[in-house]
Protein backbone atom coordinates (compact mmCIF):
# COMPACT_ATOMS: atom_id res chain seq x y z
CA UNK A 1 20.87 -32.22 -79.37
CA UNK A 2 23.00 -34.26 -77.00
CA UNK A 3 24.69 -33.26 -73.49
CA UNK A 4 27.33 -35.55 -72.00
CA UNK A 5 28.95 -35.13 -68.55
CA UNK A 6 31.66 -37.63 -69.99
CA UNK A 7 32.34 -40.47 -67.63
CA UNK A 8 32.51 -39.86 -63.97
CA UNK A 9 34.65 -42.40 -61.95
CA UNK A 10 33.29 -43.29 -58.45
CA UNK A 11 35.25 -42.70 -55.66
CA UNK A 12 36.60 -45.64 -53.95
CA UNK A 13 34.80 -46.78 -51.25
CA UNK A 14 36.73 -47.67 -47.83
CA UNK A 15 35.91 -49.04 -44.27
CA UNK A 16 34.58 -46.10 -42.40
CA UNK A 17 33.70 -45.71 -38.77
CA UNK A 18 29.95 -44.23 -37.97
CA UNK A 19 27.48 -43.69 -35.43
CA UNK A 20 24.40 -45.53 -36.23
CA UNK A 21 20.63 -44.61 -34.68
CA UNK A 22 19.81 -47.40 -32.34
CA UNK A 23 16.14 -46.50 -33.04
CA UNK A 24 14.85 -49.50 -35.30
CA UNK A 25 12.20 -46.70 -36.63
CA UNK A 26 14.97 -44.29 -37.62
CA UNK A 27 17.53 -44.33 -40.31
CA UNK A 28 19.94 -41.83 -38.75
CA UNK A 29 23.67 -42.18 -38.48
CA UNK A 30 26.88 -40.16 -38.78
CA UNK A 31 30.46 -40.41 -39.76
CA UNK A 32 32.03 -40.56 -36.57
CA UNK A 33 35.24 -37.79 -37.79
CA UNK A 34 31.88 -35.51 -38.01
CA UNK A 35 30.71 -35.88 -34.66
CA UNK A 36 31.25 -32.94 -31.70
CA UNK A 37 30.39 -35.38 -29.09
CA UNK A 38 32.45 -38.68 -27.76
CA UNK A 39 29.27 -40.54 -27.61
CA UNK A 40 26.51 -38.38 -29.86
CA UNK A 41 22.89 -38.80 -29.52
CA UNK A 42 20.86 -39.08 -33.47
CA UNK A 43 20.24 -35.55 -34.30
CA UNK A 44 16.73 -36.81 -36.18
CA UNK A 45 15.07 -38.62 -33.16
CA UNK A 46 17.50 -38.20 -30.02
CA UNK A 47 18.10 -41.89 -29.46
CA UNK A 48 21.13 -43.01 -28.58
CA UNK A 49 23.61 -44.33 -31.16
CA UNK A 50 25.95 -47.25 -31.15
CA UNK A 51 29.70 -47.71 -33.29
CA UNK A 52 29.54 -49.49 -36.57
CA UNK A 53 31.66 -49.75 -39.61
CA UNK A 54 30.20 -49.35 -43.04
CA UNK A 55 31.80 -49.26 -46.37
CA UNK A 56 31.04 -45.59 -47.40
CA UNK A 57 32.75 -43.40 -50.58
CA UNK A 58 36.33 -42.02 -49.41
CA UNK A 59 35.92 -37.99 -48.48
CA UNK A 60 38.75 -36.13 -49.40
CA UNK A 61 39.11 -34.19 -45.96
CA UNK A 62 39.30 -37.66 -43.83
């Protein structure tokens, strides 16, 4: 018996503003629109974060 989920369309990717952790040993980042602070600290290691632009899948509620 074979199961098929059918073809799934990939979400379109768009340039997205994000906050990225400045700690080289941490991979933490978050979408800017999901941040509660004007200048957040990394939720994983508490280091400062810098603004970046990344190409990410578009979210419906952004």
